[in-house]
C-alpha cells in the first residue's frame, strides 16, 4: 500500500488522516509520514558519498483496524434501531 492508497482507503470509511490518528491513538505526524520516502546522504569508510532512500512503511494492522471500525459503527447503528 502506498500513501495515496492509504488516503483513499481511509476515505472509503469516511475518515481523514487526522480523524484516523485521533481514533487509533496514533500521533498525527506519524500517520502523515506513513508511505513517505526520505533520502539521506552518508559518507562510507572509504570517504565516498552514499545516498540512501528509505520509505516509511504503512503498518499492516490498518486493514484489520478499519474492518473493526466498520463493524463497531454497524453495531452502533443496530443499537439505535433496536432502541426505538
PDB file of N, CA and C in Angstrom:
ATOM      1  N   UNK A   1       0.856  -1.161   0.000  1.00  0.00           N
ATOM      2  CA  UNK A   1       0.000   0.000   0.000  1.00  0.00           C
ATOM      3  C   UNK A   1       0.910   1.235   0.000  1.00  0.00           C
ATOM      4  N   UNK A   2       0.528   2.222  -0.787  1.00  0.00           N
ATOM      5  CA  UNK A   2       1.293   3.466  -0.790  1.00  0.00           C
ATOM      6  C   UNK A   2       0.478   4.572  -0.117  1.00  0.00           C
ATOM      7  N   UNK A   3       1.069   5.746  -0.081  1.00  0.00           N
ATOM      8  CA  UNK A   3       0.445   6.872   0.625  1.00  0.00           C
ATOM      9  C   UNK A   3      -0.919   7.235   0.039  1.00  0.00           C
ATOM     10  N   UNK A   4      -1.012   7.240  -1.287  1.00  0.00           N
ATOM     11  CA  UNK A   4      -2.274   7.578  -1.950  1.00  0.00           C
ATOM     12  C   UNK A   4      -3.337   6.519  -1.645  1.00  0.00           C
ATOM     13  N   UNK A   5      -2.933   5.245  -1.681  1.00  0.00           N
ATOM     14  CA  UNK A   5      -3.860   4.157  -1.357  1.00  0.00           C
ATOM     15  C   UNK A   5      -4.407   4.311   0.064  1.00  0.00           C
ATOM     16  N   UNK A   6      -3.543   4.697   0.989  1.00  0.00           N
ATOM     17  CA  UNK A   6      -3.972   4.884   2.376  1.00  0.00           C
ATOM     18  C   UNK A   6      -5.028   5.981   2.466  1.00  0.00           C
ATOM     19  N   UNK A   7      -4.780   7.089   1.787  1.00  0.00           N
ATOM     20  CA  UNK A   7      -5.735   8.199   1.805  1.00  0.00           C
ATOM     21  C   UNK A   7      -7.079   7.764   1.238  1.00  0.00           C
ATOM     22  N   UNK A   8      -7.050   7.025   0.126  1.00  0.00           N
ATOM     23  CA  UNK A   8      -8.288   6.545  -0.495  1.00  0.00           C
ATOM     24  C   UNK A   8      -9.003   5.537   0.398  1.00  0.00           C
ATOM     25  N   UNK A   9      -8.239   4.651   1.016  1.00  0.00           N
ATOM     26  CA  UNK A   9      -8.825   3.644   1.902  1.00  0.00           C
ATOM     27  C   UNK A   9      -9.512   4.310   3.094  1.00  0.00           C
ATOM     28  N   UNK A  10      -8.854   5.264   3.698  1.00  0.00           N
ATOM     29  CA  UNK A  10      -9.465   5.969   4.827  1.00  0.00           C
ATOM     30  C   UNK A  10     -10.736   6.689   4.394  1.00  0.00           C
ATOM     31  N   UNK A  11     -10.709   7.269   3.204  1.00  0.00           N
ATOM     32  CA  UNK A  11     -11.884   7.988   2.690  1.00  0.00           C
ATOM     33  C   UNK A  11     -13.071   7.045   2.510  1.00  0.00           C
ATOM     34  N   UNK A  12     -12.807   5.790   2.139  1.00  0.00           N
ATOM     35  CA  UNK A  12     -13.888   4.803   1.994  1.00  0.00           C
ATOM     36  C   UNK A  12     -14.637   4.607   3.310  1.00  0.00           C
ATOM     37  N   UNK A  13     -13.947   4.800   4.406  1.00  0.00           N
ATOM     38  CA  UNK A  13     -14.550   4.641   5.733  1.00  0.00           C
ATOM     39  C   UNK A  13     -14.982   5.987   6.320  1.00  0.00           C
ATOM     40  N   UNK A  14     -14.907   7.033   5.504  1.00  0.00           N
ATOM     41  CA  UNK A  14     -15.310   8.358   5.957  1.00  0.00           C
ATOM     42  C   UNK A  14     -14.313   9.012   6.897  1.00  0.00           C
ATOM     43  N   UNK A  15     -13.061   8.612   6.783  1.00  0.00           N
ATOM     44  CA  UNK A  15     -12.031   9.123   7.680  1.00  0.00           C
ATOM     45  C   UNK A  15     -10.978   9.935   6.932  1.00  0.00           C
ATOM     46  N   UNK A  16     -10.397  10.860   7.640  1.00  0.00           N
ATOM     47  CA  UNK A  16      -9.216  11.567   7.153  1.00  0.00           C
ATOM     48  C   UNK A  16      -8.029  11.061   7.970  1.00  0.00           C
ATOM     49  N   UNK A  17      -6.847  11.436   7.588  1.00  0.00           N
ATOM     50  CA  UNK A  17      -5.683  11.037   8.376  1.00  0.00           C
ATOM     51  C   UNK A  17      -5.757  11.633   9.779  1.00  0.00           C
ATOM     52  N   UNK A  18      -6.290  12.830   9.861  1.00  0.00           N
ATOM     53  CA  UNK A  18      -6.424  13.499  11.168  1.00  0.00           C
ATOM     54  C   UNK A  18      -7.415  12.747  12.062  1.00  0.00           C
ATOM     55  N   UNK A  19      -8.589  12.423  11.512  1.00  0.00           N
ATOM     56  CA  UNK A  19      -9.583  11.714  12.326  1.00  0.00           C
ATOM     57  C   UNK A  19      -9.106  10.300  12.666  1.00  0.00           C
ATOM     58  N   UNK A  20      -8.448   9.647  11.715  1.00  0.00           N
ATOM     59  CA  UNK A  20      -7.908   8.313  11.974  1.00  0.00           C
ATOM     60  C   UNK A  20      -6.874   8.350  13.095  1.00  0.00           C
ATOM     61  N   UNK A  21      -6.011   9.354  13.075  1.00  0.00           N
ATOM     62  CA  UNK A  21      -4.976   9.431  14.109  1.00  0.00           C
ATOM     63  C   UNK A  21      -5.602   9.585  15.495  1.00  0.00           C
ATOM     64  N   UNK A  22      -6.668  10.357  15.580  1.00  0.00           N
ATOM     65  CA  UNK A  22      -7.339  10.525  16.863  1.00  0.00           C
ATOM     66  C   UNK A  22      -8.022   9.259  17.338  1.00  0.00           C
ATOM     67  N   UNK A  23      -8.723   8.587  16.433  1.00  0.00           N
ATOM     68  CA  UNK A  23      -9.447   7.369  16.800  1.00  0.00           C
ATOM     69  C   UNK A  23      -8.512   6.211  17.134  1.00  0.00           C
ATOM     70  N   UNK A  24      -7.401   6.120  16.424  1.00  0.00           N
ATOM     71  CA  UNK A  24      -6.479   4.996  16.620  1.00  0.00           C
ATOM     72  C   UNK A  24      -5.393   5.306  17.644  1.00  0.00           C
ATOM     73  N   UNK A  25      -5.414   6.519  18.177  1.00  0.00           N
ATOM     74  CA  UNK A  25      -4.428   6.958  19.165  1.00  0.00           C
ATOM     75  C   UNK A  25      -3.002   6.928  18.613  1.00  0.00           C
ATOM     76  N   UNK A  26      -2.887   7.198  17.318  1.00  0.00           N
ATOM     77  CA  UNK A  26      -1.576   7.333  16.676  1.00  0.00           C
ATOM     78  C   UNK A  26      -1.257   8.813  16.561  1.00  0.00           C
ATOM     79  N   UNK A  27      -0.005   9.158  16.698  1.00  0.00           N
ATOM     80  CA  UNK A  27       0.413  10.542  16.527  1.00  0.00           C
ATOM     81  C   UNK A  27       0.127  10.978  15.092  1.00  0.00           C
ATOM     82  N   UNK A  28      -0.470  12.148  14.939  1.00  0.00           N
ATOM     83  CA  UNK A  28      -0.847  12.647  13.608  1.00  0.00           C
ATOM     84  C   UNK A  28       0.364  12.760  12.681  1.00  0.00           C
ATOM     85  N   UNK A  29       1.479  13.250  13.192  1.00  0.00           N
ATOM     86  CA  UNK A  29       2.681  13.364  12.360  1.00  0.00           C
ATOM     87  C   UNK A  29       3.175  11.994  11.903  1.00  0.00           C
ATOM     88  N   UNK A  30       2.997  10.992  12.735  1.00  0.00           N
ATOM     89  CA  UNK A  30       3.371   9.627  12.356  1.00  0.00           C
ATOM     90  C   UNK A  30       2.513   9.152  11.194  1.00  0.00           C
ATOM     91  N   UNK A  31       1.210   9.367  11.295  1.00  0.00           N
ATOM     92  CA  UNK A  31       0.291   8.963  10.225  1.00  0.00           C
ATOM     93  C   UNK A  31       0.636   9.694   8.930  1.00  0.00           C
ATOM     94  N   UNK A  32       0.935  10.975   9.025  1.00  0.00           N
ATOM     95  CA  UNK A  32       1.316  11.734   7.829  1.00  0.00           C
ATOM     96  C   UNK A  32       2.588  11.184   7.193  1.00  0.00           C
ATOM     97  N   UNK A  33       3.475  10.649   8.003  1.00  0.00           N
ATOM     98  CA  UNK A  33       4.741  10.136   7.495  1.00  0.00           C
ATOM     99  C   UNK A  33       4.653   8.786   6.807  1.00  0.00           C
ATOM    100  N   UNK A  34       3.610   8.014   7.108  1.00  0.00           N
ATOM    101  CA  UNK A  34       3.496   6.686   6.510  1.00  0.00           C
ATOM    102  C   UNK A  34       3.467   6.786   4.994  1.00  0.00           C
ATOM    103  N   UNK A  35       4.273   5.986   4.341  1.00  0.00           N
ATOM    104  CA  UNK A  35       4.306   5.951   2.883  1.00  0.00           C
ATOM    105  C   UNK A  35       5.253   6.958   2.264  1.00  0.00           C
ATOM    106  N   UNK A  36       5.800   7.831   3.067  1.00  0.00           N
ATOM    107  CA  UNK A  36       6.743   8.820   2.537  1.00  0.00           C
ATOM    108  C   UNK A  36       8.129   8.215   2.399  1.00  0.00           C
ATOM    109  N   UNK A  37       8.863   8.761   1.468  1.00  0.00           N
ATOM    110  CA  UNK A  37      10.258   8.378   1.304  1.00  0.00           C
ATOM    111  C   UNK A  37      11.127   9.537   1.746  1.00  0.00           C
ATOM    112  N   UNK A  38      12.261   9.203   2.305  1.00  0.00           N
ATOM    113  CA  UNK A  38      13.221  10.248   2.631  1.00  0.00           C
ATOM    114  C   UNK A  38      14.609   9.778   2.225  1.00  0.00           C
ATOM    115  N   UNK A  39      15.399  10.723   1.800  1.00  0.00           N
ATOM    116  CA  UNK A  39      16.733  10.428   1.306  1.00  0.00           C
ATOM    117  C   UNK A  39      17.760  11.059   2.236  1.00  0.00           C
ATOM    118  N   UNK A  40      18.773  10.270   2.545  1.00  0.00           N
ATOM    119  CA  UNK A  40      19.865  10.798   3.358  1.00  0.00           C
ATOM    120  C   UNK A  40      21.181  10.551   2.635  1.00  0.00           C
ATOM    121  N   UNK A  41      22.114  11.449   2.852  1.00  0.00           N
ATOM    122  CA  UNK A  41      23.453  11.290   2.287  1.00  0.00           C
ATOM    123  C   UNK A  41      24.389  10.902   3.418  1.00  0.00           C
ATOM    124  N   UNK A  42      25.193   9.892   3.165  1.00  0.00           N
ATOM    125  CA  UNK A  42      26.178   9.472   4.150  1.00  0.00           C
ATOM    126  C   UNK A  42      27.530   9.351   3.460  1.00  0.00           C
ATOM    127  N   UNK A  43      28.548   9.248   4.251  1.00  0.00           N
ATOM    128  CA  UNK A  43      29.887   9.023   3.711  1.00  0.00           C
ATOM    129  C   UNK A  43      30.375   7.714   4.303  1.00  0.00           C
ATOM    130  N   UNK A  44      30.747   6.787   3.419  1.00  0.00           N
ATOM    131  CA  UNK A  44      31.193   5.490   3.912  1.00  0.00           C
ATOM    132  C   UNK A  44      32.649   5.569   4.376  1.00  0.00           C
ATOM    133  N   UNK A  45      33.179   4.444   4.830  1.00  0.00           N
ATOM    134  CA  UNK A  45      34.531   4.448   5.395  1.00  0.00           C
ATOM    135  C   UNK A  45      35.612   4.739   4.356  1.00  0.00           C
ATOM    136  N   UNK A  46      35.279   4.609   3.074  1.00  0.00           N
ATOM    137  CA  UNK A  46      36.218   4.950   2.001  1.00  0.00           C
ATOM    138  C   UNK A  46      36.057   6.397   1.551  1.00  0.00           C
ATOM    139  N   UNK A  47      35.295   7.155   2.325  1.00  0.00           N
ATOM    140  CA  UNK A  47      35.030   8.578   2.079  1.00  0.00           C
ATOM    141  C   UNK A  47      34.291   8.822   0.767  1.00  0.00           C
ATOM    142  N   UNK A  48      33.471   7.855   0.394  1.00  0.00           N
ATOM    143  CA  UNK A  48      32.611   8.011  -0.776  1.00  0.00           C
ATOM    144  C   UNK A  48      31.214   8.375  -0.297  1.00  0.00           C
ATOM    145  N   UNK A  49      30.613   9.309  -1.013  1.00  0.00           N
ATOM    146  CA  UNK A  49      29.260   9.716  -0.661  1.00  0.00           C
ATOM    147  C   UNK A  49      28.280   8.633  -1.091  1.00  0.00           C
ATOM    148  N   UNK A  50      27.380   8.336  -0.208  1.00  0.00           N
ATOM    149  CA  UNK A  50      26.383   7.307  -0.477  1.00  0.00           C
ATOM    150  C   UNK A  50      25.010   7.908  -0.219  1.00  0.00           C
ATOM    151  N   UNK A  51      24.089   7.711  -1.146  1.00  0.00           N
ATOM    152  CA  UNK A  51      22.731   8.222  -0.992  1.00  0.00           C
ATOM    153  C   UNK A  51      21.805   7.045  -0.709  1.00  0.00           C
ATOM    154  N   UNK A  52      21.075   7.165   0.370  1.00  0.00           N
ATOM    155  CA  UNK A  52      20.160   6.094   0.782  1.00  0.00           C
ATOM    156  C   UNK A  52      18.744   6.659   0.821  1.00  0.00           C
ATOM    157  N   UNK A  53      17.836   5.963   0.154  1.00  0.00           N
ATOM    158  CA  UNK A  53      16.426   6.351   0.196  1.00  0.00           C
ATOM    159  C   UNK A  53      15.664   5.291   0.982  1.00  0.00           C
ATOM    160  N   UNK A  54      14.923   5.744   1.955  1.00  0.00           N
ATOM    161  CA  UNK A  54      14.128   4.830   2.779  1.00  0.00           C
ATOM    162  C   UNK A  54      12.673   5.248   2.731  1.00  0.00           C
ATOM    163  N   UNK A  55      11.825   4.252   2.688  1.00  0.00           N
ATOM    164  CA  UNK A  55      10.390   4.505   2.695  1.00  0.00           C
ATOM    165  C   UNK A  55       9.839   4.102   4.057  1.00  0.00           C
ATOM    166  N   UNK A  56       9.023   4.977   4.609  1.00  0.00           N
ATOM    167  CA  UNK A  56       8.388   4.679   5.893  1.00  0.00           C
ATOM    168  C   UNK A  56       7.181   3.789   5.604  1.00  0.00           C
ATOM    169  N   UNK A  57       7.230   2.581   6.106  1.00  0.00           N
ATOM    170  CA  UNK A  57       6.181   1.603   5.811  1.00  0.00           C
ATOM    171  C   UNK A  57       4.858   1.965   6.479  1.00  0.00           C
ATOM    172  N   UNK A  58       3.804   1.631   5.773  1.00  0.00           N
ATOM    173  CA  UNK A  58       2.462   1.781   6.329  1.00  0.00           C
ATOM    174  C   UNK A  58       2.164   0.497   7.101  1.00  0.00           C
ATOM    175  N   UNK A  59       1.772   0.601   8.364  1.00  0.00           N
ATOM    176  CA  UNK A  59       1.547  -0.594   9.178  1.00  0.00           C
ATOM    177  C   UNK A  59       0.496  -1.529   8.579  1.00  0.00           C
ATOM    178  N   UNK A  60       0.733  -2.818   8.754  1.00  0.00           N
ATOM    179  CA  UNK A  60      -0.181  -3.827   8.209  1.00  0.00           C
ATOM    180  C   UNK A  60      -1.485  -3.926   8.998  1.00  0.00           C
ATOM    181  N   UNK A  61      -1.487  -3.446  10.226  1.00  0.00           N
ATOM    182  CA  UNK A  61      -2.671  -3.582  11.071  1.00  0.00           C
ATOM    183  C   UNK A  61      -3.807  -2.652  10.667  1.00  0.00           C
ATOM    184  N   UNK A  62      -3.550  -1.726   9.781  1.00  0.00           N
ATOM    185  CA  UNK A  62      -4.576  -0.735   9.428  1.00  0.00           C
ATOM    186  C   UNK A  62      -5.823  -1.391   8.842  1.00  0.00           C
ATOM    187  N   UNK A  63      -5.652  -2.362   7.961  1.00  0.00           N
ATOM    188  CA  UNK A  63      -6.821  -3.006   7.340  1.00  0.00           C
ATOM    189  C   UNK A  63      -7.716  -3.672   8.378  1.00  0.00           C
ATOM    190  N   UNK A  64      -7.129  -4.400   9.307  1.00  0.00           N
ATOM    191  CA  UNK A  64      -7.958  -5.060  10.322  1.00  0.00           C
ATOM    192  C   UNK A  64      -8.577  -4.026  11.266  1.00  0.00           C
ATOM    193  N   UNK A  65      -7.861  -2.954  11.548  1.00  0.00           N
ATOM    194  CA  UNK A  65      -8.413  -1.890  12.385  1.00  0.00           C
ATOM    195  C   UNK A  65      -9.635  -1.281  11.715  1.00  0.00           C
ATOM    196  N   UNK A  66      -9.539  -1.025  10.409  1.00  0.00           N
ATOM    197  CA  UNK A  66     -10.663  -0.434   9.680  1.00  0.00           C
ATOM    198  C   UNK A  66     -11.851  -1.389   9.610  1.00  0.00           C
ATOM    199  N   UNK A  67     -11.581  -2.686   9.468  1.00  0.00           N
ATOM    200  CA  UNK A  67     -12.672  -3.671   9.492  1.00  0.00           C
ATOM    201  C   UNK A  67     -13.410  -3.614  10.831  1.00  0.00           C
ATOM    202  N   UNK A  68     -12.651  -3.570  11.919  1.00  0.00           N
ATOM    203  CA  UNK A  68     -13.267  -3.490  13.247  1.00  0.00           C
ATOM    204  C   UNK A  68     -13.999  -2.170  13.450  1.00  0.00           C
ATOM    205  N   UNK A  69     -13.459  -1.097  12.914  1.00  0.00           N
ATOM    206  CA  UNK A  69     -14.107   0.216  12.988  1.00  0.00           C
ATOM    207  C   UNK A  69     -15.465   0.165  12.298  1.00  0.00           C
ATOM    208  N   UNK A  70     -15.497  -0.461  11.128  1.00  0.00           N
ATOM    209  CA  UNK A  70     -16.754  -0.579  10.381  1.00  0.00           C
ATOM    210  C   UNK A  70     -17.769  -1.429  11.153  1.00  0.00           C
ATOM    211  N   UNK A  71     -17.323  -2.541  11.713  1.00  0.00           N
ATOM    212  CA  UNK A  71     -18.218  -3.402  12.486  1.00  0.00           C
ATOM    213  C   UNK A  71     -18.775  -2.673  13.708  1.00  0.00           C
ATOM    214  N   UNK A  72     -17.933  -1.915  14.371  1.00  0.00           N
ATOM    215  CA  UNK A  72     -18.382  -1.162  15.550  1.00  0.00           C
ATOM    216  C   UNK A  72     -19.434  -0.129  15.167  1.00  0.00           C
ATOM    217  N   UNK A  73     -19.233   0.530  14.035  1.00  0.00           N
ATOM    218  CA  UNK A  73     -20.217   1.523  13.584  1.00  0.00           C
ATOM    219  C   UNK A  73     -21.541   0.868  13.209  1.00  0.00           C
ATOM    220  N   UNK A  74     -21.474  -0.296  12.568  1.00  0.00           N
ATOM    221  CA  UNK A  74     -22.703  -1.013  12.223  1.00  0.00           C
ATOM    222  C   UNK A  74     -23.438  -1.445  13.487  1.00  0.00           C
ATOM    223  N   UNK A  75     -22.692  -1.874  14.488  1.00  0.00           N
ATOM    224  CA  UNK A  75     -23.295  -2.285  15.751  1.00  0.00           C
ATOM    225  C   UNK A  75     -23.977  -1.100  16.436  1.00  0.00           C
ATOM    226  N   UNK A  76     -23.324   0.050  16.411  1.00  0.00           N
ATOM    227  CA  UNK A  76     -23.931   1.257  16.997  1.00  0.00           C
ATOM    228  C   UNK A  76     -25.233   1.611  16.288  1.00  0.00           C
ATOM    229  N   UNK A  77     -25.249   1.497  14.971  1.00  0.00           N
ATOM    230  CA  UNK A  77     -26.468   1.768  14.201  1.00  0.00           C
ATOM    231  C   UNK A  77     -27.559   0.763  14.549  1.00  0.00           C
ATOM    232  N   UNK A  78     -27.179  -0.498  14.686  1.00  0.00           N
ATOM    233  CA  UNK A  78     -28.125  -1.541  15.062  1.00  0.00           C
ATOM    234  C   UNK A  78     -28.755  -1.229  16.421  1.00  0.00           C
ATOM    235  N   UNK A  79     -27.929  -0.830  17.372  1.00  0.00           N
ATOM    236  CA  UNK A  79     -28.444  -0.498  18.703  1.00  0.00           C
ATOM    237  C   UNK A  79     -29.417   0.669  18.654  1.00  0.00           C
ATOM    238  N   UNK A  80     -29.122   1.657  17.832  1.00  0.00           N
ATOM    239  CA  UNK A  80     -30.034   2.798  17.682  1.00  0.00           C
ATOM    240  C   UNK A  80     -31.381   2.349  17.134  1.00  0.00           C
ATOM    241  N   UNK A  81     -31.352   1.443  16.159  1.00  0.00           N
ATOM    242  CA  UNK A  81     -32.589   0.961  15.543  1.00  0.00           C
ATOM    243  C   UNK A  81     -33.413   0.114  16.507  1.00  0.00           C
ATOM    244  N   UNK A  82     -32.746  -0.671  17.327  1.00  0.00           N
ATOM    245  CA  UNK A  82     -33.476  -1.558  18.231  1.00  0.00           C
ATOM    246  C   UNK A  82     -34.010  -0.836  19.464  1.00  0.00           C
ATOM    247  N   UNK A  83     -33.475   0.326  19.761  1.00  0.00           N
ATOM    248  CA  UNK A  83     -33.964   1.085  20.918  1.00  0.00           C
ATOM    249  C   UNK A  83     -35.265   1.795  20.611  1.00  0.00           C
ATOM    250  N   UNK A  84     -35.508   1.959  19.340  1.00  0.00           N
ATOM    251  CA  UNK A  84     -36.672   2.601  19.205  1.00  0.00           C
ATOM    252  C   UNK A  84     -37.479   3.194  18.283  1.00  0.00           C
TER     253      UNK A  84
END
